[in-house]
Amino acid sequence: MEGLLRAPAGQPFRWSEHQGRELLLVEHPRCQAVFSRQGGQLLHFQPRGERSLLWCASRWPKIGAIRGGVPVCWPWFGRHPMESGWPHHGWARLSDWRLVDKQSCDDGVRLCWRLELHDWLVELEAELGDRMCLQLRTHHRDSEPCMLSHALHAYWRVSDVARIGLLGLDGAEGNDLLGREPCRQEGELRIVDGCHRVFRRGGKVIIQDPDWRRRIRVDGSGNPDTVVWHPGSRPLGDVSWAEGLGFVAVEAAACGENSVTLAPGEEGRLCLKAWVD
């Protein structure tokens, strides 16, 4: 992904194409980034002088969602509650978004992506510099209430998922989707052959990576849920076992019992921030 970023001097934004996808490349003195028009998806974010914060699969499917970066799961998370044939995690990550604003200043860049589907309008606002800040805003324009579940499904790049620890979830309760039972976290969370837990708590999580001697601070304050996921030994399409060891997903979400019922004219929000200590 880093090899794509060779924007001309003084031009922080440049369109390109890679593996059949239209990409927006961002080159700024404080950071580099890559977005895909499909999904309005941030695929790569690297503050200057740091390793990339985000993991992205090296091979992308010809059709379908790109695995990695920060997919937008919207307007439902996981399987649709009633329509089994509808896509996993909703329409947003499969749809082309429109870039409606982009700005550059000394501190970094700001972008706004927009998607309109029927009576919904959703916007992803990104502020990138030394830190990453993403805000997902959903505007409900129908005349009837509607249920919304959504997530910013971030894949964080790590040296080896088996060697990292997650701090900040001590005492959090939720559901273990692999074990299909309630769970309560005690102390540091370690990933042992897979994890898929939805904790009913937002807030800050620290990804402690001793091999790379860095700590990624993931701040989901104000969101109702934090999702932690890794497939463990279960195969992922087009991702080798070794490549799959290089990420852990820590997601900002509102899902399950914390799904949101929006009245006409109401707005739903998610926010995700991250930086390196």
Protein backbone atom coordinates (compact mmCIF):
# COMPACT_ATOMS: atom_id res chain seq x y z
CA MET A 1 0.00 0.00 0.00
CA GLU A 2 2.83 2.41 0.87
CA GLY A 3 4.25 2.06 -2.66
CA LEU A 4 1.21 3.80 -4.13
CA LEU A 5 1.93 7.03 -2.28
CA ARG A 6 4.05 9.17 -4.54
CA ALA A 7 2.03 12.36 -4.93
CA PRO A 8 3.67 15.37 -6.63
CA ALA A 9 5.08 18.01 -4.29
CA GLY A 10 2.44 20.44 -3.08
CA GLN A 11 -0.44 18.17 -4.11
CA PRO A 12 -1.76 16.33 -1.04
CA PHE A 13 -4.57 14.52 -2.91
CA ARG A 14 -4.32 12.32 -5.99
CA TRP A 15 -6.65 9.77 -7.60
CA SER A 16 -5.25 6.42 -8.67
CA GLU A 17 -6.36 2.85 -9.42
CA HIS A 18 -5.19 -0.40 -7.84
CA GLN A 19 -6.58 -3.93 -8.21
CA GLY A 20 -9.57 -2.53 -10.07
CA ARG A 21 -10.53 -0.02 -7.33
CA GLU A 22 -10.56 3.77 -7.52
CA LEU A 23 -8.39 5.16 -4.73
CA LEU A 24 -7.71 8.58 -3.24
CA LEU A 25 -4.08 8.91 -2.15
CA VAL A 26 -3.20 11.39 0.59
CA GLU A 27 0.38 12.63 1.02
CA HIS A 28 0.90 15.22 3.76
CA PRO A 29 3.94 16.21 5.85
CA ARG A 30 2.21 14.72 8.91
CA CYS A 31 0.74 11.52 7.44
CA GLN A 32 -0.02 9.28 4.51
CA ALA A 33 -3.40 7.71 3.81
CA VAL A 34 -5.36 5.81 1.17
CA PHE A 35 -9.15 5.76 0.73
CA SER A 36 -11.24 3.58 -1.55
CA ARG A 37 -14.22 5.18 -3.26
CA GLN A 38 -16.01 1.87 -2.78
CA GLY A 39 -17.15 1.92 0.82
CA GLY A 40 -15.68 5.38 1.52
CA GLN A 41 -13.14 3.14 3.19
CA LEU A 42 -9.90 4.27 4.82
CA LEU A 43 -7.46 1.52 3.82
CA HIS A 44 -4.16 2.94 5.05
CA PHE A 45 -3.13 5.53 7.64
CA GLN A 46 0.47 6.18 8.63
CA PRO A 47 1.58 9.12 10.77
CA ARG A 48 4.99 10.40 9.72
CA GLY A 49 7.80 8.44 11.37
CA GLU A 50 5.52 5.55 12.45
CA ARG A 51 4.51 2.20 11.07
CA SER A 52 1.07 2.07 9.50
CA LEU A 53 -1.69 1.91 12.10
CA LEU A 54 -4.02 -0.04 9.83
CA TRP A 55 -3.74 -3.51 8.28
CA CYS A 56 -5.10 -4.26 4.83
CA ALA A 57 -5.08 -7.53 2.91
CA SER A 58 -2.61 -7.56 0.02
CA ARG A 59 -5.09 -9.23 -2.37
CA TRP A 60 -8.59 -7.84 -2.94
CA PRO A 61 -11.57 -9.69 -4.43
CA LYS A 62 -12.64 -8.63 -7.91
CA ILE A 63 -16.15 -8.11 -6.56
CA GLY A 64 -17.11 -7.42 -2.97
CA ALA A 65 -15.70 -5.73 0.09
CA ILE A 66 -12.01 -5.06 0.67
CA ARG A 67 -10.79 -6.71 3.87
CA GLY A 68 -8.83 -4.26 5.99
CA GLY A 69 -8.53 -0.62 6.92
CA VAL A 70 -11.79 0.67 8.42
CA PRO A 71 -14.84 -0.76 6.65
CA VAL A 72 -18.11 1.03 7.37
CA CYS A 73 -20.70 -1.52 8.50
CA TRP A 74 -24.04 0.20 7.80
CA PRO A 75 -27.05 0.27 8.15
CA TRP A 76 -26.78 -3.05 9.92
CA PHE A 77 -23.95 -4.89 11.66
CA GLY A 78 -23.47 -8.62 11.03
CA ARG A 79 -26.36 -10.46 9.44
CA HIS A 80 -29.57 -8.64 8.61
CA PRO A 81 -32.14 -9.58 11.26
CA MET A 82 -34.83 -10.51 8.72
CA GLU A 83 -33.37 -10.79 5.19
CA SER A 84 -30.91 -13.70 5.06
CA GLY A 85 -29.93 -12.97 1.46
CA TRP A 86 -28.82 -9.40 2.10
CA PRO A 87 -25.09 -8.71 2.42
CA HIS A 88 -23.24 -9.23 5.68
CA HIS A 89 -22.59 -5.86 7.38
CA GLY A 90 -24.91 -3.89 5.09
CA TRP A 91 -24.72 -1.94 1.84
CA ALA A 92 -22.23 0.80 2.68
CA ARG A 93 -18.98 -1.09 2.17
CA LEU A 94 -20.20 -2.35 -1.23
CA SER A 95 -21.39 1.03 -2.55
CA ASP A 96 -19.46 3.88 -4.20
CA TRP A 97 -19.34 6.97 -2.00
CA ARG A 98 -18.98 10.56 -3.13
CA LEU A 99 -16.15 12.75 -1.89
CA VAL A 100 -17.90 16.04 -1.05
CA ASP A 101 -15.07 17.91 0.68
CA LYS A 102 -11.29 17.74 1.10
CA GLN A 103 -9.01 20.23 2.80
CA SER A 104 -5.36 20.41 3.77
CA CYS A 105 -3.73 22.57 6.45
CA ASP A 106 -0.54 22.53 8.52
CA ASP A 107 -1.98 20.02 11.02
CA GLY A 108 -3.21 17.49 8.45
CA VAL A 109 -6.16 16.84 6.18
CA ARG A 110 -9.94 16.74 6.50
CA LEU A 111 -12.26 14.82 4.18
CA CYS A 112 -15.96 14.11 3.99
CA TRP A 113 -17.46 11.15 2.12
CA ARG A 114 -21.21 10.83 1.52
CA LEU A 115 -23.60 8.04 0.57
CA GLU A 116 -27.33 8.43 -0.08
CA LEU A 117 -29.56 5.36 -0.16
CA HIS A 118 -33.34 5.74 -0.29
CA ASP A 119 -34.33 7.80 2.77
CA TRP A 120 -30.91 7.57 4.43
CA LEU A 121 -27.92 9.86 4.14
CA VAL A 122 -24.66 8.80 5.76
CA GLU A 123 -21.42 10.79 5.97
CA LEU A 124 -17.93 9.76 7.02
CA GLU A 125 -15.79 12.65 8.22
CA ALA A 126 -12.06 12.01 8.55
CA GLU A 127 -9.42 14.14 10.23
CA LEU A 128 -5.91 12.78 9.69
CA GLY A 129 -2.57 14.09 10.90
CA ASP A 130 -0.55 12.89 13.87
CA ARG A 131 -3.79 11.16 14.90
CA MET A 132 -6.77 9.61 13.17
CA CYS A 133 -10.34 10.70 13.86
CA LEU A 134 -13.32 9.21 12.04
CA GLN A 135 -16.93 10.21 12.62
CA LEU A 136 -19.86 8.40 11.02
CA ARG A 137 -23.11 10.38 10.90
CA THR A 138 -26.44 8.92 9.75
CA HIS A 139 -29.36 11.18 8.85
CA HIS A 140 -32.78 9.49 8.84
CA ARG A 141 -35.11 11.24 6.39
CA ASP A 142 -38.06 8.82 6.25
CA SER A 143 -41.46 9.55 7.82
CA GLU A 144 -41.34 6.39 9.99
CA PRO A 145 -38.92 5.29 12.74
CA CYS A 146 -36.18 2.91 11.65
CA MET A 147 -33.66 0.61 13.35
CA LEU A 148 -29.94 1.27 12.83
CA SER A 149 -26.95 -0.82 13.83
CA HIS A 150 -23.51 0.22 12.58
CA ALA A 151 -19.78 -0.08 13.19
CA LEU A 152 -16.39 1.29 12.21
CA HIS A 153 -14.72 -2.09 11.78
CA ALA A 154 -11.05 -1.11 12.22
CA TYR A 155 -8.26 -3.60 11.46
CA TRP A 156 -5.19 -2.52 13.49
CA ARG A 157 -1.76 -3.58 12.29
CA VAL A 158 0.28 -5.56 14.83
CA SER A 159 3.47 -7.62 14.79
CA ASP A 160 1.77 -10.88 15.84
CA VAL A 161 -1.77 -11.14 17.18
CA ALA A 162 -0.72 -14.00 19.48
CA ARG A 163 1.77 -11.73 21.28
CA ILE A 164 -0.24 -8.58 21.86
CA GLY A 165 -2.47 -7.60 24.77
CA LEU A 166 -5.54 -5.35 24.95
CA LEU A 167 -5.89 -3.09 27.98
CA GLY A 168 -8.89 -1.02 29.05
CA LEU A 169 -11.66 -3.62 28.95
CA ASP A 170 -11.28 -4.92 32.51
CA GLY A 171 -14.75 -5.46 33.99
CA ALA A 172 -16.54 -4.97 30.66
CA GLU A 173 -19.51 -7.27 30.07
CA GLY A 174 -20.98 -8.43 26.80
CA ASN A 175 -21.47 -11.43 24.55
CA ASP A 176 -18.96 -13.97 23.28
CA LEU A 177 -20.22 -14.71 19.77
CA LEU A 178 -17.93 -17.72 19.33
CA GLY A 179 -18.95 -19.35 22.60
CA ARG A 180 -22.53 -18.06 22.24
CA GLU A 181 -22.63 -17.02 25.88
CA PRO A 182 -22.32 -13.90 28.04
CA CYS A 183 -18.80 -12.82 28.92
CA ARG A 184 -17.03 -10.54 31.36
CA GLN A 185 -13.45 -9.44 30.78
CA GLU A 186 -11.01 -9.84 33.64
CA GLY A 187 -7.75 -7.95 33.21
CA GLU A 188 -5.83 -7.91 29.94
CA LEU A 189 -7.46 -9.49 26.89
CA ARG A 190 -5.23 -11.91 24.95
CA ILE A 191 -6.24 -13.46 21.63
CA VAL A 192 -6.04 -17.25 21.86
CA ASP A 193 -7.16 -19.01 18.66
CA GLY A 194 -9.81 -16.49 17.77
CA CYS A 195 -12.02 -13.96 19.47
CA HIS A 196 -15.37 -12.38 18.67
CA ARG A 197 -16.76 -10.45 21.60
CA VAL A 198 -19.17 -7.54 21.74
CA PHE A 199 -18.57 -5.55 24.92
CA ARG A 200 -21.35 -3.22 26.07
CA ARG A 201 -18.88 -0.43 26.73
CA GLY A 202 -17.25 2.25 24.62
CA GLY A 203 -14.12 4.03 25.80
CA LYS A 204 -10.38 3.62 25.36
CA VAL A 205 -8.53 0.43 24.50
CA ILE A 206 -4.74 0.16 24.37
CA ILE A 207 -3.20 -2.33 21.94
CA GLN A 208 0.10 -3.22 23.55
CA ASP A 209 2.60 -4.63 21.04
CA PRO A 210 5.89 -5.58 22.73
CA ASP A 211 7.63 -6.83 19.58
CA TRP A 212 7.19 -3.46 17.85
CA ARG A 213 7.56 -1.54 21.12
CA ARG A 214 4.47 0.52 20.52
CA ARG A 215 1.04 1.11 21.99
CA ILE A 216 -1.91 2.06 19.80
CA ARG A 217 -4.56 3.97 21.73
CA VAL A 218 -8.03 3.37 20.29
CA ASP A 219 -10.64 5.77 21.64
CA GLY A 220 -14.30 4.87 21.13
CA SER A 221 -15.65 7.11 23.88
CA GLY A 222 -19.33 7.91 23.48
CA ASN A 223 -20.12 4.73 21.56
CA PRO A 224 -22.24 2.04 23.26
CA ASP A 225 -20.20 -1.01 22.15
CA THR A 226 -16.64 -2.17 21.53
CA VAL A 227 -16.16 -5.24 19.32
CA VAL A 228 -12.96 -7.29 19.41
CA TRP A 229 -12.47 -9.81 16.60
CA HIS A 230 -9.85 -12.09 15.11
CA PRO A 231 -10.58 -15.36 13.25
CA GLY A 232 -7.77 -17.32 14.87
CA SER A 233 -7.07 -20.49 12.88
CA ARG A 234 -10.26 -20.16 10.83
CA PRO A 235 -9.40 -19.35 7.20
CA LEU A 236 -10.07 -15.97 5.61
CA GLY A 237 -10.63 -15.79 1.86
CA ASP A 238 -7.51 -14.59 -0.05
CA VAL A 239 -5.60 -14.04 3.23
CA SER A 240 -2.80 -16.44 4.15
CA TRP A 241 -2.41 -17.70 7.69
CA ALA A 242 0.80 -15.70 8.15
CA GLU A 243 -0.75 -12.49 6.79
CA GLY A 244 -3.74 -12.94 9.09
CA LEU A 245 -1.49 -12.85 12.16
CA GLY A 246 -0.76 -9.19 11.44
CA PHE A 247 -4.01 -7.62 12.65
CA VAL A 248 -6.53 -7.37 15.42
CA ALA A 249 -9.94 -5.75 14.95
CA VAL A 250 -11.07 -3.35 17.68
CA GLU A 251 -14.27 -1.72 16.48
CA ALA A 252 -16.54 1.16 17.46
CA ALA A 253 -20.12 -0.08 17.25
CA ALA A 254 -23.77 0.22 18.19
CA CYS A 255 -25.27 -3.20 17.61
CA GLY A 256 -27.43 -5.95 19.09
CA GLU A 257 -29.33 -4.67 22.08
CA ASN A 258 -27.61 -1.31 21.63
CA SER A 259 -28.94 -0.81 18.11
CA VAL A 260 -30.49 2.63 17.68
CA THR A 261 -34.09 3.45 16.80
CA LEU A 262 -34.06 6.72 14.87
CA ALA A 263 -37.19 8.83 14.66
CA PRO A 264 -37.77 10.86 11.49
CA GLY A 265 -35.17 13.62 11.32
CA GLU A 266 -32.93 12.11 14.01
CA GLU A 267 -29.22 11.47 13.59
CA GLY A 268 -27.02 8.54 14.65
CA ARG A 269 -23.29 8.90 15.31
CA LEU A 270 -20.19 6.81 15.86
CA CYS A 271 -16.71 8.15 16.53
CA LEU A 272 -13.32 6.43 16.43
CA LYS A 273 -9.97 8.01 17.26
CA ALA A 274 -6.50 6.48 17.35
CA TRP A 275 -2.88 7.46 17.87
CA VAL A 276 0.48 5.94 18.81
CA ASP A 277 2.09 6.49 22.19
